[in-house]
Protein backbone atom coordinates (compact mmCIF):
# COMPACT_ATOMS: atom_id res chain seq x y z
CA MET A 1 -1.40 -32.13 9.68
CA ALA A 2 2.24 -31.82 9.07
CA LYS A 3 4.32 -29.90 11.44
CA PHE A 4 8.57 -29.63 10.39
CA LEU A 5 11.27 -27.07 10.85
CA ILE A 6 12.20 -24.76 7.83
CA THR A 7 14.91 -22.41 7.07
CA LEU A 8 13.29 -18.83 5.66
CA ASP A 9 15.95 -17.13 3.93
CA PRO A 10 14.30 -14.00 2.10
CA ASP A 11 17.72 -14.53 -0.21
CA HIS A 12 17.49 -18.29 -1.10
CA PRO A 13 13.58 -18.49 -1.39
CA GLU A 14 13.93 -21.95 -3.27
CA HIS A 15 15.22 -23.34 -0.30
CA LEU A 16 11.63 -23.34 1.32
CA THR A 17 10.31 -24.74 -2.11
CA GLN A 18 12.76 -27.54 -1.67
CA ALA A 19 11.70 -28.58 1.62
CA LEU A 20 7.87 -28.02 0.70
CA ALA A 21 8.41 -30.11 -1.81
CA GLN A 22 10.36 -33.13 0.05
CA THR A 23 8.01 -32.86 2.80
CA THR A 24 4.58 -33.32 0.57
CA GLY A 25 5.57 -35.46 -2.02
CA SER A 26 4.22 -32.87 -4.58
CA GLU A 27 5.48 -30.49 -7.26
CA ILE A 28 5.13 -27.05 -5.50
CA VAL A 29 3.53 -24.48 -8.25
CA ALA A 30 2.68 -21.75 -6.56
CA LEU A 31 3.69 -20.31 -2.85
CA GLU A 32 2.05 -17.13 -1.21
CA ARG A 33 3.05 -15.65 2.53
CA GLU A 34 0.70 -13.43 4.40
CA GLY A 35 2.12 -12.64 8.02
CA ARG A 36 2.75 -16.39 9.41
CA THR A 37 0.09 -17.73 6.83
CA LEU A 38 1.52 -19.61 4.13
CA TYR A 39 -0.47 -20.87 0.91
CA VAL A 40 1.05 -23.81 -1.14
CA ALA A 41 -0.21 -25.01 -4.07
CA CYS A 42 0.72 -28.65 -4.35
CA ARG A 43 0.28 -30.52 -7.37
CA ARG A 44 0.56 -34.40 -7.48
CA ALA A 45 -0.92 -37.32 -9.50
CA GLY A 46 -2.65 -34.73 -11.63
CA LEU A 47 -4.31 -32.49 -9.34
CA THR A 48 -3.20 -29.47 -7.56
CA THR A 49 -4.69 -28.65 -4.00
CA ALA A 50 -3.93 -25.91 -1.50
CA MET A 51 -1.59 -26.65 1.54
CA ILE A 52 -1.99 -24.07 4.58
CA GLY A 53 0.33 -23.59 6.84
CA THR A 54 1.26 -21.32 10.08
CA VAL A 55 4.77 -20.04 10.76
CA HIS A 56 6.47 -19.89 14.24
CA LEU A 57 9.52 -18.42 13.73
CA LEU A 58 12.23 -19.73 16.58
CA ASN A 59 14.28 -17.55 18.84
CA GLY A 60 17.22 -18.50 17.08
CA PRO A 61 18.38 -20.57 13.74
CA LEU A 62 19.41 -24.31 15.21
CA PRO A 63 22.80 -25.38 14.32
CA THR A 64 21.95 -27.39 11.07
CA GLY A 65 19.59 -23.71 10.03
CA GLU A 66 16.39 -24.04 10.26
CA ASN A 67 15.09 -21.10 11.81
CA ALA A 68 11.27 -21.79 12.04
CA ALA A 69 8.34 -24.46 12.46
CA LEU A 70 5.91 -25.21 10.04
CA THR A 71 2.30 -26.94 10.83
CA LEU A 72 0.60 -27.71 7.33
CA GLU A 73 -2.72 -28.73 6.78
CA GLY A 74 -4.72 -29.36 3.57
CA GLU A 75 -7.90 -27.23 2.35
CA GLY A 76 -10.18 -30.05 2.78
CA ARG A 77 -9.89 -29.41 6.77
CA ASN A 78 -11.12 -26.09 6.23
CA PRO A 79 -8.50 -24.07 8.16
CA GLU A 80 -9.13 -20.84 9.51
CA ALA A 81 -6.88 -18.85 7.25
CA ALA A 82 -8.73 -18.43 3.91
CA ARG A 83 -7.18 -15.23 2.44
CA ALA A 84 -5.46 -16.34 -0.38
CA SER A 85 -5.28 -14.44 -3.92
CA ARG A 86 -6.86 -15.17 -6.92
CA ALA A 87 -3.69 -15.35 -8.38
CA PHE A 88 -3.00 -18.10 -6.20
CA THR A 89 -6.35 -20.29 -6.25
CA ARG A 90 -6.26 -20.01 -10.05
CA HIS A 91 -3.98 -22.69 -9.80
CA LEU A 92 -5.86 -25.09 -7.99
CA THR A 93 -7.50 -28.17 -9.88
CA PRO A 94 -11.68 -27.17 -9.57
CA ALA A 95 -13.33 -28.58 -6.59
CA GLY A 96 -14.76 -32.33 -7.44
CA LEU A 97 -14.61 -35.30 -5.55
CA HIS A 98 -11.15 -34.77 -4.22
CA VAL A 99 -12.18 -31.52 -2.45
CA ASP A 100 -15.87 -29.90 -1.37
CA GLY A 101 -14.87 -26.23 -2.19
CA THR A 102 -15.42 -24.66 1.41
CA TRP A 103 -12.10 -23.50 2.08
CA ARG A 104 -12.15 -22.07 -1.86
CA ALA A 105 -15.37 -20.45 -1.22
CA ARG A 106 -13.93 -18.70 1.55
CA CYS A 107 -11.02 -17.68 -0.61
CA GLU A 108 -13.40 -16.17 -3.41
CA ALA A 109 -15.40 -14.22 -0.34
CA TRP A 110 -11.96 -12.68 0.67
CA GLN A 111 -11.01 -11.93 -2.76
CA ALA A 112 -14.50 -9.91 -3.26
CA ARG A 113 -13.98 -8.10 0.06
CA LEU A 114 -10.06 -7.05 -1.24
CA LYS A 115 -11.55 -5.77 -4.79
CA ALA A 116 -13.99 -3.53 -3.11
CA ALA A 117 -11.28 -2.45 -0.37
CA GLN A 118 -8.98 -1.37 -2.86
CA SER A 119 -11.12 0.97 -4.38
CA GLY A 120 -11.92 2.53 -1.25
CA GLU A 121 -15.85 1.72 -1.23
CA ARG A 122 -15.46 -0.31 1.88
CA LEU A 123 -13.00 -1.08 4.78
CA LEU A 124 -11.11 -4.44 4.72
CA GLY A 125 -10.77 -4.58 8.30
CA GLU A 126 -8.36 -7.44 8.24
CA TYR A 127 -4.62 -7.21 8.27
CA PRO A 128 -1.81 -9.90 8.73
CA ASP A 129 -1.55 -10.99 12.47
CA ALA A 130 -3.53 -8.57 13.54
CA GLU A 131 -6.51 -10.22 15.06
CA GLY A 132 -8.55 -7.32 17.26
CA TYR A 133 -5.70 -4.83 17.36
CA VAL A 134 -2.80 -3.58 15.42
CA GLY A 135 0.28 -3.00 17.43
CA TYR A 136 3.68 -4.30 17.60
CA ASN A 137 3.23 -5.37 13.85
CA ALA A 138 4.50 -3.01 11.52
CA GLU A 139 3.18 -5.29 8.12
CA GLY A 140 -0.29 -5.09 9.50
CA LYS A 141 0.12 -1.49 10.58
CA ARG A 142 1.18 -0.47 7.04
CA ALA A 143 -1.96 -2.65 5.64
CA PHE A 144 -4.09 -0.86 7.79
CA GLU A 145 -3.21 2.66 6.78
CA LEU A 146 -3.26 2.04 3.15
CA ASP A 147 -6.99 0.62 3.83
CA ALA A 148 -8.07 3.41 6.02
CA ARG A 149 -6.63 6.54 3.55
CA ARG A 150 -8.25 4.44 0.63
CA PHE A 151 -11.66 4.51 2.49
CA LEU A 152 -11.58 8.11 3.59
CA LYS A 153 -10.42 9.39 0.12
CA ALA A 154 -13.61 7.64 -1.16
CA VAL A 155 -15.83 9.16 1.45
CA GLN A 156 -14.57 12.54 0.37
CA ARG A 157 -15.15 12.04 -3.02
CA HIS A 158 -18.42 11.39 -2.52
CA LEU A 159 -18.83 14.22 -0.56
CA GLY A 160 -17.18 16.72 -2.74
CA TRP A 161 -16.22 18.71 -0.07
CA LYS A 162 -12.67 20.10 0.55
CA GLY A 163 -10.49 18.83 3.37
CA THR A 164 -7.47 17.14 4.08
CA VAL A 165 -6.90 13.04 5.23
CA HIS A 166 -4.15 12.99 7.43
CA TRP A 167 -2.04 9.64 8.80
CA ASN A 168 -1.09 9.85 12.54
CA PRO A 169 1.31 6.56 13.16
CA GLY A 170 1.36 6.99 16.88
CA GLY A 171 4.21 4.52 18.24
CA ILE A 172 5.24 1.10 17.47
CA ALA A 173 2.46 -0.05 19.93
CA VAL A 174 -0.57 1.43 18.48
CA SER A 175 -2.16 1.26 15.16
CA GLY A 176 -2.06 4.68 14.33
CA GLU A 177 -4.98 6.70 13.16
CA MET A 178 -6.61 7.95 9.78
CA THR A 179 -8.38 11.08 10.23
CA ALA A 180 -10.25 13.63 7.84
CA HIS A 181 -11.41 17.49 7.94
CA LEU A 182 -13.80 17.80 5.33
CA ALA A 183 -16.48 20.68 4.79
CA PRO A 184 -18.49 22.40 2.22
CA ASP A 185 -17.42 25.38 0.29
CA GLY A 186 -18.24 28.55 2.27
CA SER A 187 -19.94 26.47 5.40
CA ASP A 188 -19.06 27.62 8.76
CA THR A 189 -19.65 23.42 9.89
CA GLY A 190 -18.18 20.72 8.71
CA VAL A 191 -17.31 16.88 9.57
CA PHE A 192 -14.03 15.27 11.29
CA ILE A 193 -13.46 11.56 10.69
CA GLU A 194 -11.27 9.15 12.78
CA VAL A 195 -10.47 5.38 11.63
CA SER A 196 -8.69 3.63 14.15
CA ALA A 197 -7.79 0.03 15.46
CA CYS A 198 -8.42 -0.02 19.18
CA GLY A 199 -11.30 -2.05 19.28
CA LEU A 200 -11.61 -2.56 22.78
CA TRP A 201 -12.67 1.05 23.57
CA MET A 202 -15.20 1.15 20.64
CA PRO A 203 -18.97 1.20 21.60
CA ARG A 204 -19.82 -0.29 18.33
CA GLN A 205 -18.67 -3.50 16.82
CA ALA A 206 -15.18 -3.58 15.85
CA SER A 207 -13.47 -5.35 12.64
CA PRO A 208 -11.52 -8.72 13.02
CA SER A 209 -8.65 -6.53 13.40
CA GLY A 210 -9.93 -4.20 15.66
CA VAL A 211 -11.04 -1.25 13.22
CA GLY A 212 -13.56 1.25 13.96
CA ILE A 213 -14.99 4.62 12.49
CA MET A 214 -15.67 7.49 14.36
CA TRP A 215 -17.28 11.08 13.31
CA ARG A 216 -18.74 14.32 14.20
CA VAL A 217 -20.53 17.17 13.21
CA GLU A 218 -17.37 19.91 13.09
CA PRO A 219 -17.84 23.47 14.31
CA LEU A 220 -15.73 26.10 12.11
CA ALA A 221 -16.81 29.59 13.62
CA GLY A 222 -16.83 29.46 17.12
CA GLN A 223 -19.94 27.50 18.23
CA ASP A 224 -20.36 25.47 21.20
CA ARG A 225 -18.43 22.51 20.31
CA TRP A 226 -20.16 20.61 23.63
CA ALA A 227 -23.37 21.16 22.06
CA HIS A 228 -25.58 18.00 21.55
CA GLU A 229 -25.22 18.20 17.64
CA TYR A 230 -21.20 17.67 17.82
CA ARG A 231 -21.35 14.90 19.60
CA ASN A 232 -19.38 11.85 18.61
CA ARG A 233 -20.62 9.39 16.69
CA TRP A 234 -19.93 5.77 15.76
CA ALA A 235 -20.29 4.23 12.25
CA SER A 236 -20.13 0.15 11.76
CA TRP A 237 -16.81 -0.49 9.92
CA MET A 238 -19.01 -2.73 7.30
CA LEU A 239 -20.79 0.99 5.96
CA PRO A 240 -19.71 1.79 2.52
CA ALA A 241 -18.53 5.13 1.79
CA THR A 242 -21.38 5.92 0.03
CA GLN A 243 -23.65 5.62 2.94
CA LEU A 244 -21.22 7.25 5.11
CA ALA A 245 -21.23 10.41 3.32
CA GLN A 246 -25.12 10.47 2.76
CA ASP A 247 -25.16 10.36 6.89
CA MET A 248 -23.04 13.41 6.94
CA ARG A 249 -24.82 15.44 4.73
CA ALA A 250 -28.01 14.29 6.60
CA ALA A 251 -26.41 15.71 9.71
CA LEU A 252 -25.38 18.88 8.58
CA PRO A 253 -27.61 21.78 8.71
CA PRO A 254 -29.47 21.87 5.65
CA GLU A 255 -28.30 25.60 4.84
CA HIS A 256 -24.78 24.44 4.98
CA VAL A 257 -24.92 21.57 2.86
CA ASP A 258 -24.43 21.65 -1.05
CA THR A 259 -27.33 19.60 -3.07
CA GLN A 260 -24.68 17.83 -5.63
CA VAL A 261 -23.50 14.17 -4.93
CA ALA A 262 -20.18 12.97 -6.24
């Protein structure tokens, strides 16, 4: 594992590339950053392998200009961070005697999850620098917002019901929440859904970044809100949008549910 000081300058990214090339003794063919994690594709002796780095920002720049510390370890050590994109991993030499491929397999699993999340059919549930909680983290909060919006839009699409999907950002210390109010045409009963990242308070297991799903049948015509049928319910963060839509259809009184499934 290598540890050294670097200069992060968004106006001159070539400075980081030059420092990495000098430190690793390699040609840098690809560079990708997600929050505090850095993925570096290094070509040396005809082979291209990955180095995974963790960035630690200093309180202020040193007199020589460095403003961060970086730890680098090879993919062969199977480091915890494994969210490199397909655009990055395609630069790597196929696994063989020089590397066992475990870290790359974890990246492939992440890439598959990301593809499903981008369609809205599943929540991704993991965001940059957000372990168990999304707060004081603008990048992670924005990623959570996009993920939750895609998911609730997919649920609405499968239900085929009218309604609204709304983002409440809250303050800097919290994740914010994505909510939806949906109901069949002409019905006096609908559903309310909330996706938030406050895992400490959830009765069901939350995602790695603390995301959970709460929903309830919602009275729209003066029914007793506190009746048992309108209780809060919790869904697994891994539940597909199609299954959540089916569960909501099943929870509404039969006379209020249309038979068409989107």
